[in-house]
Amino acid sequence: MLHILPTMLRGALVTVEVTTGAVIVACASASCAVAMRLSGLGTLEWPARVYIELFRGTSALIQLFWVFYALPLILPFRPTPMAAAIAVLGLNGGAYGAEILRGAILAVPKEQHDASAALNLSPTTRMFRVILPQSLPLIIPPLANLFIDMLKNSALAGLVQVTDLTFQSQILQESTLQNAKIYGLALIMYFVMALVLAGLMRLLERIFKFPIGARV
């Protein structure tokens, strides 16, 4: 196992890079989609709806193949495998994250919205000082599940030649034929990464719950 471990660790590092990039894209796209959905303007709300339903209603694998293989036939450039994987996984996760964020914001009691408006707070101040501090503790648990799913879905990146953990496992399996050892080690490494991610999200949940005195 010692001679395959360095290769597997390099693949795991690429998996972490893909997942981290995808999470950043997901957070940004989810925030933009929610802002557009809650703007009350049809010209902003409908594009957000189309984005959310499109990415939730189609396969992430087909999205990845379309961006990497079909999109270059329309546009005059081809994204790198890493960029295509991060963009697709991030936008796909952002579509689900947008609904999580919107649900948490709408779950804040209406009295809180009305009270902050009665204090003549600006919409931005109301959102960042009153609404989001109460909704963030509700967001973290489902987001943790979403991010772990994104970590597991990062295995799709190997299908467009990203040298992630799954890709390296397949290469090693073909050259050594040690299926049980290689895929067993890959399972353990994915499990450890998921545990670390879950622990970080749990810590984040505690941080966001502390200022409002919520029970952890």
N, C-alpha and C. Protein backbone atom coordinates (compact mmCIF):
# COMPACT_ATOMS: atom_id res chain seq x y z
N MET A 1 0.82 -1.21 0.00
CA MET A 1 0.00 0.00 0.00
C MET A 1 0.86 1.26 0.00
N LEU A 2 2.10 1.16 0.52
CA LEU A 2 2.92 2.35 0.64
C LEU A 2 3.26 2.95 -0.71
N HIS A 3 3.40 2.12 -1.74
CA HIS A 3 3.82 2.65 -3.04
C HIS A 3 2.66 3.31 -3.80
N ILE A 4 1.42 3.04 -3.40
CA ILE A 4 0.28 3.70 -4.07
C ILE A 4 -0.25 4.87 -3.27
N LEU A 5 0.12 4.96 -1.98
CA LEU A 5 -0.42 6.01 -1.13
C LEU A 5 -0.09 7.43 -1.61
N PRO A 6 1.16 7.73 -2.03
CA PRO A 6 1.44 9.09 -2.51
C PRO A 6 0.56 9.50 -3.68
N THR A 7 0.33 8.57 -4.61
CA THR A 7 -0.52 8.89 -5.76
C THR A 7 -1.96 9.15 -5.31
N MET A 8 -2.45 8.34 -4.38
CA MET A 8 -3.79 8.54 -3.86
C MET A 8 -3.91 9.87 -3.12
N LEU A 9 -2.88 10.23 -2.38
CA LEU A 9 -2.92 11.50 -1.66
C LEU A 9 -2.92 12.69 -2.61
N ARG A 10 -2.17 12.58 -3.71
CA ARG A 10 -2.21 13.65 -4.72
C ARG A 10 -3.61 13.77 -5.31
N GLY A 11 -4.24 12.64 -5.56
CA GLY A 11 -5.61 12.67 -6.06
C GLY A 11 -6.56 13.28 -5.05
N ALA A 12 -6.37 12.96 -3.76
CA ALA A 12 -7.22 13.52 -2.71
C ALA A 12 -7.06 15.03 -2.63
N LEU A 13 -5.83 15.51 -2.82
CA LEU A 13 -5.60 16.96 -2.80
C LEU A 13 -6.35 17.64 -3.93
N VAL A 14 -6.34 17.04 -5.11
CA VAL A 14 -7.10 17.60 -6.24
C VAL A 14 -8.60 17.58 -5.93
N THR A 15 -9.07 16.51 -5.29
CA THR A 15 -10.48 16.44 -4.89
C THR A 15 -10.84 17.59 -3.96
N VAL A 16 -9.96 17.88 -3.01
CA VAL A 16 -10.19 19.00 -2.09
C VAL A 16 -10.22 20.32 -2.85
N GLU A 17 -9.33 20.49 -3.82
CA GLU A 17 -9.30 21.72 -4.61
C GLU A 17 -10.59 21.88 -5.41
N VAL A 18 -11.04 20.82 -6.04
CA VAL A 18 -12.27 20.88 -6.82
C VAL A 18 -13.46 21.20 -5.92
N THR A 19 -13.54 20.52 -4.78
CA THR A 19 -14.66 20.74 -3.87
C THR A 19 -14.64 22.16 -3.31
N THR A 20 -13.47 22.64 -2.92
CA THR A 20 -13.37 24.00 -2.37
C THR A 20 -13.81 25.04 -3.41
N GLY A 21 -13.31 24.91 -4.63
CA GLY A 21 -13.72 25.83 -5.68
C GLY A 21 -15.20 25.76 -5.96
N ALA A 22 -15.75 24.54 -5.98
CA ALA A 22 -17.18 24.37 -6.25
C ALA A 22 -18.02 24.97 -5.13
N VAL A 23 -17.59 24.82 -3.88
CA VAL A 23 -18.33 25.39 -2.75
C VAL A 23 -18.35 26.92 -2.84
N ILE A 24 -17.23 27.52 -3.22
CA ILE A 24 -17.17 28.97 -3.37
C ILE A 24 -18.13 29.44 -4.46
N VAL A 25 -18.11 28.75 -5.60
CA VAL A 25 -19.02 29.09 -6.69
C VAL A 25 -20.47 28.89 -6.26
N ALA A 26 -20.74 27.81 -5.52
CA ALA A 26 -22.10 27.53 -5.07
C ALA A 26 -22.61 28.61 -4.13
N CYS A 27 -21.78 29.05 -3.20
CA CYS A 27 -22.20 30.10 -2.26
C CYS A 27 -22.49 31.41 -2.99
N ALA A 28 -21.63 31.76 -3.95
CA ALA A 28 -21.83 33.00 -4.70
C ALA A 28 -23.08 32.93 -5.57
N SER A 29 -23.26 31.82 -6.30
CA SER A 29 -24.42 31.71 -7.18
C SER A 29 -25.72 31.60 -6.40
N ALA A 30 -25.70 30.90 -5.25
CA ALA A 30 -26.89 30.79 -4.41
C ALA A 30 -27.29 32.15 -3.86
N SER A 31 -26.32 32.92 -3.40
CA SER A 31 -26.62 34.25 -2.86
C SER A 31 -27.22 35.16 -3.93
N CYS A 32 -26.64 35.13 -5.12
CA CYS A 32 -27.18 35.96 -6.21
C CYS A 32 -28.59 35.52 -6.60
N ALA A 33 -28.80 34.20 -6.68
CA ALA A 33 -30.11 33.69 -7.07
C ALA A 33 -31.18 34.07 -6.04
N VAL A 34 -30.84 33.97 -4.76
CA VAL A 34 -31.81 34.32 -3.71
C VAL A 34 -32.11 35.81 -3.74
N ALA A 35 -31.10 36.63 -3.91
CA ALA A 35 -31.33 38.07 -4.00
C ALA A 35 -32.26 38.41 -5.16
N MET A 36 -32.08 37.73 -6.28
CA MET A 36 -32.95 37.96 -7.43
C MET A 36 -34.36 37.43 -7.17
N ARG A 37 -34.47 36.25 -6.53
CA ARG A 37 -35.78 35.68 -6.24
C ARG A 37 -36.59 36.56 -5.29
N LEU A 38 -35.93 37.17 -4.32
CA LEU A 38 -36.61 37.95 -3.30
C LEU A 38 -36.69 39.44 -3.64
N SER A 39 -36.21 39.81 -4.82
CA SER A 39 -36.20 41.23 -5.19
C SER A 39 -37.60 41.76 -5.48
N GLY A 40 -38.52 40.88 -5.86
CA GLY A 40 -39.86 41.33 -6.22
C GLY A 40 -39.96 41.86 -7.63
N LEU A 41 -38.87 41.79 -8.39
CA LEU A 41 -38.85 42.26 -9.76
C LEU A 41 -38.88 41.07 -10.71
N GLY A 42 -39.87 41.03 -11.58
CA GLY A 42 -40.01 39.90 -12.48
C GLY A 42 -38.81 39.71 -13.39
N THR A 43 -38.19 40.82 -13.80
CA THR A 43 -37.04 40.73 -14.71
C THR A 43 -35.84 40.08 -14.04
N LEU A 44 -35.79 40.08 -12.69
CA LEU A 44 -34.72 39.41 -11.96
C LEU A 44 -35.16 38.06 -11.43
N GLU A 45 -36.43 37.97 -11.06
CA GLU A 45 -36.91 36.74 -10.45
C GLU A 45 -36.95 35.58 -11.43
N TRP A 46 -37.40 35.82 -12.65
CA TRP A 46 -37.56 34.72 -13.60
C TRP A 46 -36.23 34.11 -14.05
N PRO A 47 -35.19 34.92 -14.33
CA PRO A 47 -33.89 34.29 -14.64
C PRO A 47 -33.38 33.42 -13.50
N ALA A 48 -33.60 33.85 -12.25
CA ALA A 48 -33.17 33.04 -11.11
C ALA A 48 -33.95 31.74 -11.05
N ARG A 49 -35.24 31.80 -11.32
CA ARG A 49 -36.06 30.58 -11.33
C ARG A 49 -35.58 29.61 -12.42
N VAL A 50 -35.29 30.16 -13.60
CA VAL A 50 -34.82 29.31 -14.69
C VAL A 50 -33.51 28.63 -14.32
N TYR A 51 -32.58 29.39 -13.76
CA TYR A 51 -31.29 28.83 -13.34
C TYR A 51 -31.49 27.70 -12.33
N ILE A 52 -32.30 27.94 -11.31
CA ILE A 52 -32.49 26.95 -10.25
C ILE A 52 -33.13 25.68 -10.80
N GLU A 53 -34.21 25.84 -11.57
CA GLU A 53 -34.91 24.66 -12.08
C GLU A 53 -34.08 23.91 -13.12
N LEU A 54 -33.32 24.64 -13.92
CA LEU A 54 -32.49 24.00 -14.94
C LEU A 54 -31.43 23.10 -14.31
N PHE A 55 -30.72 23.63 -13.31
CA PHE A 55 -29.64 22.86 -12.72
C PHE A 55 -30.14 21.80 -11.75
N ARG A 56 -31.31 22.01 -11.15
CA ARG A 56 -31.87 20.96 -10.29
C ARG A 56 -32.54 19.86 -11.10
N GLY A 57 -33.01 20.21 -12.28
CA GLY A 57 -33.80 19.26 -13.05
C GLY A 57 -33.03 18.47 -14.08
N THR A 58 -31.72 18.71 -14.19
CA THR A 58 -30.92 17.96 -15.16
C THR A 58 -29.74 17.29 -14.44
N SER A 59 -29.18 16.29 -15.07
CA SER A 59 -28.10 15.51 -14.48
C SER A 59 -26.80 16.32 -14.42
N ALA A 60 -26.12 16.25 -13.29
CA ALA A 60 -24.83 16.93 -13.16
C ALA A 60 -23.81 16.37 -14.14
N LEU A 61 -23.89 15.07 -14.41
CA LEU A 61 -22.97 14.45 -15.36
C LEU A 61 -23.18 15.01 -16.76
N ILE A 62 -24.43 15.12 -17.18
CA ILE A 62 -24.71 15.69 -18.51
C ILE A 62 -24.32 17.15 -18.56
N GLN A 63 -24.54 17.89 -17.48
CA GLN A 63 -24.11 19.29 -17.43
C GLN A 63 -22.61 19.40 -17.64
N LEU A 64 -21.87 18.53 -16.96
CA LEU A 64 -20.41 18.55 -17.08
C LEU A 64 -19.97 18.22 -18.49
N PHE A 65 -20.54 17.19 -19.09
CA PHE A 65 -20.18 16.83 -20.46
C PHE A 65 -20.55 17.96 -21.43
N TRP A 66 -21.70 18.61 -21.20
CA TRP A 66 -22.14 19.67 -22.10
C TRP A 66 -21.17 20.85 -22.04
N VAL A 67 -20.78 21.24 -20.82
CA VAL A 67 -19.86 22.38 -20.68
C VAL A 67 -18.50 22.06 -21.27
N PHE A 68 -18.01 20.83 -21.06
CA PHE A 68 -16.65 20.52 -21.49
C PHE A 68 -16.56 20.13 -22.96
N TYR A 69 -17.58 19.43 -23.47
CA TYR A 69 -17.50 18.93 -24.84
C TYR A 69 -18.36 19.71 -25.83
N ALA A 70 -19.56 20.18 -25.41
CA ALA A 70 -20.48 20.83 -26.34
C ALA A 70 -20.30 22.35 -26.38
N LEU A 71 -20.06 22.95 -25.21
CA LEU A 71 -19.93 24.41 -25.17
C LEU A 71 -18.82 24.95 -26.07
N PRO A 72 -17.66 24.27 -26.17
CA PRO A 72 -16.62 24.78 -27.08
C PRO A 72 -17.04 24.82 -28.55
N LEU A 73 -18.08 24.08 -28.91
CA LEU A 73 -18.57 24.14 -30.29
C LEU A 73 -19.36 25.42 -30.55
N ILE A 74 -19.80 26.08 -29.46
CA ILE A 74 -20.57 27.32 -29.57
C ILE A 74 -19.68 28.53 -29.33
N LEU A 75 -18.84 28.43 -28.30
CA LEU A 75 -17.95 29.53 -27.93
C LEU A 75 -16.55 29.27 -28.48
N PRO A 76 -15.77 30.34 -28.66
CA PRO A 76 -14.44 30.17 -29.27
C PRO A 76 -13.35 29.75 -28.30
N PHE A 77 -13.71 29.08 -27.22
CA PHE A 77 -12.68 28.62 -26.28
C PHE A 77 -13.19 27.37 -25.59
N ARG A 78 -12.26 26.58 -25.05
CA ARG A 78 -12.59 25.38 -24.30
C ARG A 78 -12.12 25.56 -22.87
N PRO A 79 -12.99 25.38 -21.88
CA PRO A 79 -12.55 25.49 -20.49
C PRO A 79 -11.61 24.34 -20.14
N THR A 80 -10.73 24.59 -19.21
CA THR A 80 -9.87 23.51 -18.73
C THR A 80 -10.72 22.50 -17.96
N PRO A 81 -10.26 21.26 -17.85
CA PRO A 81 -11.04 20.28 -17.08
C PRO A 81 -11.36 20.74 -15.67
N MET A 82 -10.38 21.33 -14.98
CA MET A 82 -10.61 21.80 -13.62
C MET A 82 -11.66 22.90 -13.57
N ALA A 83 -11.56 23.86 -14.50
CA ALA A 83 -12.52 24.97 -14.53
C ALA A 83 -13.92 24.47 -14.83
N ALA A 84 -14.04 23.54 -15.78
CA ALA A 84 -15.35 23.00 -16.12
C ALA A 84 -15.96 22.26 -14.93
N ALA A 85 -15.16 21.47 -14.24
CA ALA A 85 -15.67 20.71 -13.09
C ALA A 85 -16.11 21.65 -11.97
N ILE A 86 -15.29 22.64 -11.65
CA ILE A 86 -15.63 23.58 -10.57
C ILE A 86 -16.88 24.37 -10.93
N ALA A 87 -16.96 24.85 -12.17
CA ALA A 87 -18.12 25.65 -12.58
C ALA A 87 -19.41 24.84 -12.52
N VAL A 88 -19.39 23.64 -13.08
CA VAL A 88 -20.61 22.83 -13.13
C VAL A 88 -21.03 22.37 -11.74
N LEU A 89 -20.09 21.84 -10.96
CA LEU A 89 -20.44 21.39 -9.61
C LEU A 89 -20.88 22.55 -8.74
N GLY A 90 -20.24 23.71 -8.92
CA GLY A 90 -20.62 24.89 -8.15
C GLY A 90 -21.99 25.41 -8.51
N LEU A 91 -22.29 25.53 -9.80
CA LEU A 91 -23.60 26.01 -10.22
C LEU A 91 -24.69 25.02 -9.87
N ASN A 92 -24.38 23.73 -9.98
CA ASN A 92 -25.35 22.72 -9.60
C ASN A 92 -25.65 22.79 -8.10
N GLY A 93 -24.61 22.87 -7.29
CA GLY A 93 -24.82 23.00 -5.85
C GLY A 93 -25.48 24.31 -5.48
N GLY A 94 -25.16 25.38 -6.22
CA GLY A 94 -25.77 26.68 -5.93
C GLY A 94 -27.27 26.68 -6.15
N ALA A 95 -27.75 25.90 -7.11
CA ALA A 95 -29.19 25.82 -7.35
C ALA A 95 -29.91 25.24 -6.14
N TYR A 96 -29.33 24.20 -5.55
CA TYR A 96 -29.92 23.63 -4.33
C TYR A 96 -29.71 24.56 -3.14
N GLY A 97 -28.53 25.17 -3.05
CA GLY A 97 -28.25 26.07 -1.96
C GLY A 97 -29.16 27.29 -1.95
N ALA A 98 -29.55 27.74 -3.13
CA ALA A 98 -30.43 28.91 -3.22
C ALA A 98 -31.77 28.63 -2.55
N GLU A 99 -32.31 27.44 -2.77
CA GLU A 99 -33.59 27.09 -2.14
C GLU A 99 -33.44 26.91 -0.64
N ILE A 100 -32.29 26.40 -0.20
CA ILE A 100 -32.03 26.29 1.24
C ILE A 100 -32.00 27.67 1.87
N LEU A 101 -31.26 28.59 1.24
CA LEU A 101 -31.12 29.94 1.77
C LEU A 101 -32.45 30.69 1.75
N ARG A 102 -33.20 30.56 0.67
CA ARG A 102 -34.49 31.24 0.57
C ARG A 102 -35.46 30.73 1.64
N GLY A 103 -35.48 29.41 1.83
CA GLY A 103 -36.36 28.84 2.85
C GLY A 103 -36.01 29.33 4.24
N ALA A 104 -34.71 29.45 4.54
CA ALA A 104 -34.30 29.90 5.87
C ALA A 104 -34.66 31.37 6.08
N ILE A 105 -34.50 32.18 5.05
CA ILE A 105 -34.85 33.60 5.17
C ILE A 105 -36.35 33.75 5.39
N LEU A 106 -37.14 33.01 4.64
CA LEU A 106 -38.60 33.10 4.79
C LEU A 106 -39.07 32.49 6.10
N ALA A 107 -38.24 31.65 6.74
CA ALA A 107 -38.62 31.04 8.01
C ALA A 107 -38.49 32.02 9.18
N VAL A 108 -37.76 33.10 9.00
CA VAL A 108 -37.66 34.12 10.05
C VAL A 108 -39.05 34.74 10.24
N PRO A 109 -39.55 34.83 11.46
CA PRO A 109 -40.91 35.34 11.68
C PRO A 109 -41.15 36.68 11.01
N LYS A 110 -42.34 36.86 10.47
CA LYS A 110 -42.69 38.10 9.76
C LYS A 110 -42.57 39.31 10.68
N GLU A 111 -42.79 39.10 11.99
CA GLU A 111 -42.69 40.21 12.93
C GLU A 111 -41.30 40.83 12.94
N GLN A 112 -40.27 39.98 12.71
CA GLN A 112 -38.91 40.49 12.66
C GLN A 112 -38.70 41.41 11.45
N HIS A 113 -39.27 41.02 10.32
CA HIS A 113 -39.20 41.87 9.13
C HIS A 113 -39.92 43.19 9.38
N ASP A 114 -41.13 43.09 9.97
CA ASP A 114 -41.93 44.30 10.20
C ASP A 114 -41.27 45.22 11.22
N ALA A 115 -40.71 44.64 12.28
CA ALA A 115 -40.08 45.46 13.32
C ALA A 115 -38.86 46.20 12.78
N SER A 116 -38.05 45.51 11.99
CA SER A 116 -36.87 46.18 11.43
C SER A 116 -37.27 47.26 10.44
N ALA A 117 -38.36 47.04 9.71
CA ALA A 117 -38.85 48.08 8.80
C ALA A 117 -39.39 49.26 9.59
N ALA A 118 -40.06 48.98 10.73
CA ALA A 118 -40.60 50.06 11.56
C ALA A 118 -39.50 50.92 12.16
N LEU A 119 -38.32 50.34 12.34
CA LEU A 119 -37.18 51.10 12.86
C LEU A 119 -36.50 51.92 11.77
N ASN A 120 -37.08 51.88 10.57
CA ASN A 120 -36.57 52.65 9.43
C ASN A 120 -35.17 52.20 9.01
N LEU A 121 -34.90 50.90 9.16
CA LEU A 121 -33.63 50.36 8.69
C LEU A 121 -33.69 50.15 7.19
N SER A 122 -32.58 50.36 6.53
CA SER A 122 -32.53 50.15 5.09
C SER A 122 -32.68 48.66 4.79
N PRO A 123 -33.12 48.29 3.57
CA PRO A 123 -33.24 46.86 3.24
C PRO A 123 -31.95 46.08 3.45
N THR A 124 -30.81 46.69 3.10
CA THR A 124 -29.53 46.00 3.28
C THR A 124 -29.23 45.79 4.76
N THR A 125 -29.47 46.82 5.58
CA THR A 125 -29.23 46.70 7.01
C THR A 125 -30.16 45.67 7.63
N ARG A 126 -31.43 45.68 7.21
CA ARG A 126 -32.38 44.70 7.73
C ARG A 126 -31.91 43.28 7.42
N MET A 127 -31.43 43.07 6.22
CA MET A 127 -31.02 41.72 5.82
C MET A 127 -29.79 41.26 6.60
N PHE A 128 -28.76 42.12 6.69
CA PHE A 128 -27.49 41.69 7.27
C PHE A 128 -27.44 41.82 8.79
N ARG A 129 -28.29 42.65 9.38
CA ARG A 129 -28.25 42.84 10.82
C ARG A 129 -29.38 42.14 11.57
N VAL A 130 -30.46 41.84 10.87
CA VAL A 130 -31.63 41.26 11.54
C VAL A 130 -31.99 39.89 10.99
N ILE A 131 -32.16 39.79 9.67
CA ILE A 131 -32.69 38.56 9.07
C ILE A 131 -31.64 37.47 8.99
N LEU A 132 -30.49 37.77 8.38
CA LEU A 132 -29.47 36.73 8.19
C LEU A 132 -28.92 36.15 9.49
N PRO A 133 -28.66 36.98 10.54
CA PRO A 133 -28.19 36.37 11.79
C PRO A 133 -29.14 35.33 12.37
N GLN A 134 -30.44 35.49 12.10
CA GLN A 134 -31.41 34.52 12.60
C GLN A 134 -31.58 33.32 11.66
N SER A 135 -31.33 33.54 10.38
CA SER A 135 -31.53 32.46 9.42
C SER A 135 -30.30 31.59 9.23
N LEU A 136 -29.10 32.12 9.49
CA LEU A 136 -27.88 31.35 9.24
C LEU A 136 -27.81 30.04 10.05
N PRO A 137 -28.20 30.04 11.35
CA PRO A 137 -28.18 28.76 12.07
C PRO A 137 -29.09 27.71 11.45
N LEU A 138 -30.16 28.15 10.77
CA LEU A 138 -31.06 27.21 10.10
C LEU A 138 -30.46 26.69 8.80
N ILE A 139 -29.54 27.46 8.22
CA ILE A 139 -28.97 27.11 6.92
C ILE A 139 -27.86 26.07 7.04
N ILE A 140 -27.07 26.16 8.11
CA ILE A 140 -25.84 25.37 8.20
C ILE A 140 -26.08 23.87 8.10
N PRO A 141 -27.02 23.26 8.86
CA PRO A 141 -27.18 21.79 8.75
C PRO A 141 -27.49 21.30 7.33
N PRO A 142 -28.48 21.89 6.62
CA PRO A 142 -28.70 21.41 5.25
C PRO A 142 -27.54 21.75 4.31
N LEU A 143 -26.86 22.87 4.56
CA LEU A 143 -25.69 23.19 3.74
C LEU A 143 -24.59 22.17 3.95
N ALA A 144 -24.43 21.69 5.18
CA ALA A 144 -23.42 20.66 5.44
C ALA A 144 -23.69 19.42 4.59
N ASN A 145 -24.96 19.01 4.53
CA ASN A 145 -25.32 17.87 3.69
C ASN A 145 -25.03 18.15 2.22
N LEU A 146 -25.35 19.38 1.80
CA LEU A 146 -25.12 19.74 0.40
C LEU A 146 -23.62 19.71 0.07
N PHE A 147 -22.80 20.27 0.94
CA PHE A 147 -21.36 20.31 0.67
C PHE A 147 -20.75 18.91 0.66
N ILE A 148 -21.24 18.03 1.53
CA ILE A 148 -20.75 16.66 1.51
C ILE A 148 -21.16 15.96 0.21
N ASP A 149 -22.38 16.22 -0.25
CA ASP A 149 -22.80 15.68 -1.55
C ASP A 149 -21.91 16.21 -2.67
N MET A 150 -21.54 17.50 -2.59
CA MET A 150 -20.66 18.07 -3.60
C MET A 150 -19.28 17.41 -3.55
N LEU A 151 -18.80 17.10 -2.35
CA LEU A 151 -17.53 16.38 -2.23
C LEU A 151 -17.61 15.04 -2.94
N LYS A 152 -18.70 14.31 -2.72
CA LYS A 152 -18.85 13.00 -3.36
C LYS A 152 -19.05 13.14 -4.87
N ASN A 153 -19.80 14.17 -5.28
CA ASN A 153 -20.03 14.37 -6.72
C ASN A 153 -18.78 14.84 -7.45
N SER A 154 -17.77 15.29 -6.69
CA SER A 154 -16.53 15.72 -7.34
C SER A 154 -15.86 14.56 -8.07
N ALA A 155 -16.28 13.32 -7.76
CA ALA A 155 -15.75 12.17 -8.48
C ALA A 155 -16.08 12.23 -9.96
N LEU A 156 -17.13 12.99 -10.33
CA LEU A 156 -17.47 13.14 -11.74
C LEU A 156 -16.37 13.86 -12.52
N ALA A 157 -15.57 14.67 -11.80
CA ALA A 157 -14.52 15.44 -12.48
C ALA A 157 -13.52 14.53 -13.19
N GLY A 158 -13.33 13.33 -12.67
CA GLY A 158 -12.41 12.40 -13.31
C GLY A 158 -12.82 12.01 -14.71
N LEU A 159 -14.11 12.15 -15.02
CA LEU A 159 -14.60 11.79 -16.35
C LEU A 159 -14.18 12.79 -17.42
N VAL A 160 -13.71 13.98 -17.00
CA VAL A 160 -13.18 14.95 -17.97
C VAL A 160 -11.68 15.15 -17.73
N GLN A 161 -11.04 14.08 -17.23
CA GLN A 161 -9.57 14.02 -17.10
C GLN A 161 -9.01 14.90 -15.98
N VAL A 162 -9.82 15.24 -14.97
CA VAL A 162 -9.28 15.87 -13.77
C VAL A 162 -8.67 14.77 -12.91
N THR A 163 -7.43 14.93 -12.50
CA THR A 163 -6.72 13.85 -11.81
C THR A 163 -7.06 13.83 -10.31
N ASP A 164 -8.35 13.66 -10.02
CA ASP A 164 -8.79 13.62 -8.64
C ASP A 164 -8.60 12.22 -8.06
N LEU A 165 -9.15 12.01 -6.86
CA LEU A 165 -8.96 10.74 -6.18
C LEU A 165 -9.55 9.57 -6.97
N THR A 166 -10.74 9.75 -7.52
CA THR A 166 -11.36 8.67 -8.29
C THR A 166 -10.57 8.36 -9.55
N PHE A 167 -10.10 9.39 -10.25
CA PHE A 167 -9.30 9.20 -11.46
C PHE A 167 -8.02 8.44 -11.14
N GLN A 168 -7.33 8.86 -10.08
CA GLN A 168 -6.09 8.18 -9.70
C GLN A 168 -6.36 6.73 -9.29
N SER A 169 -7.49 6.49 -8.65
CA SER A 169 -7.83 5.12 -8.25
C SER A 169 -8.02 4.24 -9.47
N GLN A 170 -8.68 4.77 -10.48
CA GLN A 170 -8.90 3.99 -11.70
C GLN A 170 -7.59 3.69 -12.41
N ILE A 171 -6.69 4.68 -12.47
CA ILE A 171 -5.40 4.46 -13.11
C ILE A 171 -4.59 3.40 -12.37
N LEU A 172 -4.57 3.49 -11.04
CA LEU A 172 -3.83 2.51 -10.25
C LEU A 172 -4.44 1.13 -10.36
N GLN A 173 -5.77 1.06 -10.41
CA GLN A 173 -6.43 -0.24 -10.53
C GLN A 173 -6.08 -0.91 -11.85
N GLU A 174 -6.01 -0.12 -12.92
CA GLU A 174 -5.69 -0.70 -14.23
C GLU A 174 -4.24 -1.18 -14.30
N SER A 175 -3.36 -0.52 -13.55
CA SER A 175 -1.94 -0.88 -13.64
C SER A 175 -1.53 -1.94 -12.63
N THR A 176 -2.26 -2.05 -11.51
CA THR A 176 -1.87 -3.01 -10.48
C THR A 176 -2.87 -4.14 -10.28
N LEU A 177 -4.12 -3.93 -10.71
CA LEU A 177 -5.20 -4.91 -10.55
C LEU A 177 -5.52 -5.23 -9.09
N GLN A 178 -5.11 -4.33 -8.18
CA GLN A 178 -5.41 -4.52 -6.76
C GLN A 178 -6.71 -3.78 -6.41
N ASN A 179 -7.79 -4.29 -6.91
CA ASN A 179 -9.07 -3.60 -6.79
C ASN A 179 -9.48 -3.33 -5.34
N ALA A 180 -9.44 -4.38 -4.53
CA ALA A 180 -9.93 -4.26 -3.16
C ALA A 180 -9.11 -3.24 -2.37
N LYS A 181 -7.80 -3.29 -2.49
CA LYS A 181 -6.94 -2.37 -1.73
C LYS A 181 -7.13 -0.93 -2.19
N ILE A 182 -7.14 -0.72 -3.50
CA ILE A 182 -7.19 0.65 -4.03
C ILE A 182 -8.54 1.29 -3.75
N TYR A 183 -9.62 0.60 -4.09
CA TYR A 183 -10.93 1.20 -3.88
C TYR A 183 -11.31 1.23 -2.40
N GLY A 184 -10.78 0.30 -1.62
CA GLY A 184 -10.98 0.37 -0.17
C GLY A 184 -10.31 1.60 0.41
N LEU A 185 -9.08 1.88 -0.03
CA LEU A 185 -8.38 3.08 0.43
C LEU A 185 -9.10 4.34 -0.04
N ALA A 186 -9.62 4.33 -1.25
CA ALA A 186 -10.36 5.49 -1.75
C ALA A 186 -11.61 5.74 -0.90
N LEU A 187 -12.30 4.67 -0.52
CA LEU A 187 -13.49 4.81 0.34
C LEU A 187 -13.10 5.46 1.67
N ILE A 188 -12.01 4.99 2.26
CA ILE A 188 -11.58 5.53 3.54
C ILE A 188 -11.22 7.02 3.41
N MET A 189 -10.54 7.38 2.32
CA MET A 189 -10.12 8.76 2.14
C MET A 189 -11.32 9.68 1.92
N TYR A 190 -12.29 9.24 1.14
CA TYR A 190 -13.51 10.04 0.96
C TYR A 190 -14.23 10.19 2.30
N PHE A 191 -14.28 9.11 3.08
CA PHE A 191 -14.96 9.14 4.37
C PHE A 191 -14.28 10.13 5.32
N VAL A 192 -12.95 10.12 5.35
CA VAL A 192 -12.22 11.04 6.22
C VAL A 192 -12.45 12.49 5.79
N MET A 193 -12.43 12.74 4.49
CA MET A 193 -12.67 14.11 4.02
C MET A 193 -14.08 14.56 4.37
N ALA A 194 -15.06 13.66 4.26
CA ALA A 194 -16.43 14.00 4.62
C ALA A 194 -16.55 14.29 6.12
N LEU A 195 -15.85 13.52 6.94
CA LEU A 195 -15.87 13.75 8.38
C LEU A 195 -15.28 15.12 8.73
N VAL A 196 -14.17 15.45 8.09
CA VAL A 196 -13.54 16.75 8.34
C VAL A 196 -14.49 17.88 7.93
N LEU A 197 -15.11 17.75 6.78
CA LEU A 197 -16.04 18.77 6.30
C LEU A 197 -17.23 18.91 7.24
N ALA A 198 -17.77 17.78 7.70
CA ALA A 198 -18.89 17.81 8.63
C ALA A 198 -18.49 18.49 9.94
N GLY A 199 -17.27 18.22 10.41
CA GLY A 199 -16.79 18.86 11.63
C GLY A 199 -16.65 20.37 11.47
N LEU A 200 -16.15 20.80 10.32
CA LEU A 200 -16.02 22.24 10.07
C LEU A 200 -17.38 22.92 10.02
N MET A 201 -18.36 22.28 9.41
CA MET A 201 -19.70 22.85 9.34
C MET A 201 -20.35 22.89 10.72
N ARG A 202 -20.08 21.87 11.55
CA ARG A 202 -20.61 21.88 12.91
C ARG A 202 -20.01 23.02 13.71
N LEU A 203 -18.72 23.27 13.54
CA LEU A 203 -18.07 24.40 14.21
C LEU A 203 -18.67 25.71 13.74
N LEU A 204 -18.91 25.81 12.43
CA LEU A 204 -19.51 27.02 11.88
C LEU A 204 -20.92 27.24 12.45
N GLU A 205 -21.65 26.16 12.62
CA GLU A 205 -23.00 26.26 13.20
C GLU A 205 -22.93 26.82 14.62
N ARG A 206 -21.98 26.36 15.40
CA ARG A 206 -21.83 26.86 16.76
C ARG A 206 -21.48 28.35 16.76
N ILE A 207 -20.62 28.76 15.83
CA ILE A 207 -20.22 30.17 15.77
C ILE A 207 -21.41 31.06 15.46
N PHE A 208 -22.26 30.64 14.52
CA PHE A 208 -23.40 31.45 14.14
C PHE A 208 -24.51 31.42 15.18
N LYS A 209 -24.61 30.34 15.95
CA LYS A 209 -25.66 30.25 16.97
C LYS A 209 -25.29 31.06 18.22
N PHE A 210 -24.01 31.20 18.51
CA PHE A 210 -23.59 31.85 19.75
C PHE A 210 -24.10 33.28 19.89
N PRO A 211 -23.97 34.17 18.88
CA PRO A 211 -24.39 35.56 19.07
C PRO A 211 -25.88 35.73 19.38
N ILE A 212 -26.73 34.82 18.88
CA ILE A 212 -28.16 34.98 19.09
C ILE A 212 -28.66 34.09 20.23
N GLY A 213 -27.73 33.41 20.92
CA GLY A 213 -28.10 32.60 22.07
C GLY A 213 -28.89 31.36 21.73
N ALA A 214 -28.75 30.88 20.50
CA ALA A 214 -29.48 29.68 20.12
C ALA A 214 -28.85 28.45 20.76
N ARG A 215 -29.65 27.45 20.97
CA ARG A 215 -29.17 26.22 21.58
C ARG A 215 -28.48 25.36 20.54
N VAL A 216 -27.27 24.91 20.84
CA VAL A 216 -26.50 24.08 19.91
C VAL A 216 -26.82 22.61 20.16
